[in-house]
Amino acid sequence: MRFRRYIPLLLPLLATAACDALDPYKREGNWRPAQVNEANLAVMVANPAELRRGTGAPGTAGFVATGAIERLRADRVKPLPDTGLARIITVPSGNSGSGN
């Protein structure tokens, strides 16, 4: 009789036992963290200049990201393209209906 009280508490635990198969890191074909932080640390220990300024991978277009950051800092961000799916409307903040 005493065990029946705990059955509702045990059911969620039993139901989540198979959730391991749904973990996106464990599914086949997905990216898996593979000691990336340790590899980066090893590079920085070997070359201390990497601690201050990293190096890009060969063939990457870092200047594209740099341009985006410079536009953000200069407050000249490019608008998002209109996809026609949804309209985003800015609503001014204020005391609408607060009664103060």
C-alpha atoms as a PDB file:
ATOM      1  CA  MET A   1       0.000   0.000   0.000  1.00  0.00           C
ATOM      2  CA  ARG A   2       2.756   2.391   0.824  1.00  0.00           C
ATOM      3  CA  PHE A   3       4.360   1.885  -2.588  1.00  0.00           C
ATOM      4  CA  ARG A   4       1.216   3.023  -4.455  1.00  0.00           C
ATOM      5  CA  ARG A   5       1.733   6.582  -3.259  1.00  0.00           C
ATOM      6  CA  TYR A   6       5.066   6.783  -5.103  1.00  0.00           C
ATOM      7  CA  ILE A   7       3.876   5.400  -8.449  1.00  0.00           C
ATOM      8  CA  PRO A   8       2.801   8.847  -9.780  1.00  0.00           C
ATOM      9  CA  LEU A   9       6.233  10.180  -8.858  1.00  0.00           C
ATOM     10  CA  LEU A  10       8.062   7.351 -10.605  1.00  0.00           C
ATOM     11  CA  LEU A  11       6.102   7.509 -13.868  1.00  0.00           C
ATOM     12  CA  PRO A  12       7.804  10.695 -15.172  1.00  0.00           C
ATOM     13  CA  LEU A  13      11.200   9.204 -14.392  1.00  0.00           C
ATOM     14  CA  LEU A  14      10.388   6.049 -16.317  1.00  0.00           C
ATOM     15  CA  ALA A  15       8.943   8.066 -19.208  1.00  0.00           C
ATOM     16  CA  THR A  16      12.130  10.101 -19.605  1.00  0.00           C
ATOM     17  CA  ALA A  17      14.424   7.089 -19.506  1.00  0.00           C
ATOM     18  CA  ALA A  18      14.294   6.775 -23.297  1.00  0.00           C
ATOM     19  CA  CYS A  19      14.964  10.475 -23.952  1.00  0.00           C
ATOM     20  CA  ASP A  20      18.620   9.728 -24.530  1.00  0.00           C
ATOM     21  CA  ALA A  21      17.754   8.733 -28.105  1.00  0.00           C
ATOM     22  CA  LEU A  22      16.297  12.217 -28.695  1.00  0.00           C
ATOM     23  CA  ASP A  23      19.444  14.034 -27.587  1.00  0.00           C
ATOM     24  CA  PRO A  24      20.621  16.024 -30.629  1.00  0.00           C
ATOM     25  CA  TYR A  25      24.277  15.521 -29.696  1.00  0.00           C
ATOM     26  CA  LYS A  26      23.913  11.758 -29.774  1.00  0.00           C
ATOM     27  CA  ARG A  27      21.973  11.372 -33.034  1.00  0.00           C
ATOM     28  CA  GLU A  28      23.937  10.164 -36.026  1.00  0.00           C
ATOM     29  CA  GLY A  29      25.109  12.865 -38.423  1.00  0.00           C
ATOM     30  CA  ASN A  30      25.029  15.748 -35.935  1.00  0.00           C
ATOM     31  CA  TRP A  31      27.917  17.782 -34.615  1.00  0.00           C
ATOM     32  CA  ARG A  32      29.431  16.468 -31.427  1.00  0.00           C
ATOM     33  CA  PRO A  33      31.585  18.429 -29.022  1.00  0.00           C
ATOM     34  CA  ALA A  34      35.000  16.800 -29.347  1.00  0.00           C
ATOM     35  CA  GLN A  35      37.313  18.514 -26.862  1.00  0.00           C
ATOM     36  CA  VAL A  36      37.311  21.716 -28.900  1.00  0.00           C
ATOM     37  CA  ASN A  37      38.050  23.852 -25.846  1.00  0.00           C
ATOM     38  CA  GLU A  38      41.036  21.679 -24.969  1.00  0.00           C
ATOM     39  CA  ALA A  39      42.366  21.981 -28.532  1.00  0.00           C
ATOM     40  CA  ASN A  40      42.006  25.783 -28.433  1.00  0.00           C
ATOM     41  CA  LEU A  41      43.768  25.931 -25.084  1.00  0.00           C
ATOM     42  CA  ALA A  42      46.617  23.805 -26.428  1.00  0.00           C
ATOM     43  CA  VAL A  43      47.065  26.222 -29.356  1.00  0.00           C
ATOM     44  CA  MET A  44      47.065  29.211 -27.005  1.00  0.00           C
ATOM     45  CA  VAL A  45      49.638  27.601 -24.716  1.00  0.00           C
ATOM     46  CA  ALA A  46      51.875  26.814 -27.691  1.00  0.00           C
ATOM     47  CA  ASN A  47      51.551  30.359 -29.048  1.00  0.00           C
ATOM     48  CA  PRO A  48      50.735  32.922 -26.307  1.00  0.00           C
ATOM     49  CA  ALA A  49      49.951  35.569 -28.941  1.00  0.00           C
ATOM     50  CA  GLU A  50      46.747  33.601 -29.596  1.00  0.00           C
ATOM     51  CA  LEU A  51      45.499  34.701 -26.178  1.00  0.00           C
ATOM     52  CA  ARG A  52      45.342  38.320 -27.363  1.00  0.00           C
ATOM     53  CA  ARG A  53      44.402  37.880 -30.981  1.00  0.00           C
ATOM     54  CA  GLY A  54      43.435  34.652 -32.669  1.00  0.00           C
ATOM     55  CA  THR A  55      44.128  33.698 -36.245  1.00  0.00           C
ATOM     56  CA  GLY A  56      41.506  32.862 -38.799  1.00  0.00           C
ATOM     57  CA  ALA A  57      41.296  29.623 -40.654  1.00  0.00           C
ATOM     58  CA  PRO A  58      42.702  29.679 -44.182  1.00  0.00           C
ATOM     59  CA  GLY A  59      40.065  30.444 -46.789  1.00  0.00           C
ATOM     60  CA  THR A  60      37.618  32.140 -44.408  1.00  0.00           C
ATOM     61  CA  ALA A  61      36.069  35.511 -45.089  1.00  0.00           C
ATOM     62  CA  GLY A  62      36.612  37.279 -41.772  1.00  0.00           C
ATOM     63  CA  PHE A  63      36.246  40.652 -43.415  1.00  0.00           C
ATOM     64  CA  VAL A  64      32.530  39.957 -43.917  1.00  0.00           C
ATOM     65  CA  ALA A  65      32.032  39.540 -40.173  1.00  0.00           C
ATOM     66  CA  THR A  66      34.236  42.550 -39.509  1.00  0.00           C
ATOM     67  CA  GLY A  67      32.039  44.685 -41.733  1.00  0.00           C
ATOM     68  CA  ALA A  68      28.935  43.624 -39.826  1.00  0.00           C
ATOM     69  CA  ILE A  69      30.529  44.483 -36.498  1.00  0.00           C
ATOM     70  CA  GLU A  70      31.682  47.878 -37.771  1.00  0.00           C
ATOM     71  CA  ARG A  71      28.161  48.660 -39.043  1.00  0.00           C
ATOM     72  CA  LEU A  72      26.725  47.661 -35.650  1.00  0.00           C
ATOM     73  CA  ARG A  73      29.141  49.928 -33.792  1.00  0.00           C
ATOM     74  CA  ALA A  74      28.426  52.824 -36.164  1.00  0.00           C
ATOM     75  CA  ASP A  75      24.646  52.279 -35.812  1.00  0.00           C
ATOM     76  CA  ARG A  76      24.276  51.568 -39.533  1.00  0.00           C
ATOM     77  CA  VAL A  77      22.819  48.053 -39.324  1.00  0.00           C
ATOM     78  CA  LYS A  78      21.337  46.728 -42.545  1.00  0.00           C
ATOM     79  CA  PRO A  79      17.592  46.021 -42.371  1.00  0.00           C
ATOM     80  CA  LEU A  80      16.398  42.453 -42.544  1.00  0.00           C
ATOM     81  CA  PRO A  81      14.989  41.388 -45.904  1.00  0.00           C
ATOM     82  CA  ASP A  82      11.218  41.413 -46.244  1.00  0.00           C
ATOM     83  CA  THR A  83      10.180  37.786 -46.651  1.00  0.00           C
ATOM     84  CA  GLY A  84       6.471  38.507 -46.697  1.00  0.00           C
ATOM     85  CA  LEU A  85       5.875  35.935 -43.968  1.00  0.00           C
ATOM     86  CA  ALA A  86       5.301  38.262 -41.055  1.00  0.00           C
ATOM     87  CA  ARG A  87       5.368  41.951 -40.394  1.00  0.00           C
ATOM     88  CA  ILE A  88       7.346  43.209 -37.425  1.00  0.00           C
ATOM     89  CA  ILE A  89       5.872  46.427 -36.090  1.00  0.00           C
ATOM     90  CA  THR A  90       7.630  48.531 -33.487  1.00  0.00           C
ATOM     91  CA  VAL A  91       5.277  49.568 -30.704  1.00  0.00           C
ATOM     92  CA  PRO A  92       6.318  52.678 -28.765  1.00  0.00           C
ATOM     93  CA  SER A  93       6.694  52.090 -25.061  1.00  0.00           C
ATOM     94  CA  GLY A  94       4.823  54.253 -22.641  1.00  0.00           C
ATOM     95  CA  ASN A  95       2.095  54.321 -20.061  1.00  0.00           C
ATOM     96  CA  SER A  96      -0.681  52.911 -22.195  1.00  0.00           C
ATOM     97  CA  GLY A  97      -3.664  52.286 -19.937  1.00  0.00           C
ATOM     98  CA  SER A  98      -1.746  52.398 -16.681  1.00  0.00           C
ATOM     99  CA  GLY A  99      -4.155  54.927 -15.158  1.00  0.00           C
ATOM    100  CA  ASN A 100      -1.414  56.922 -13.404  1.00  0.00           C
END
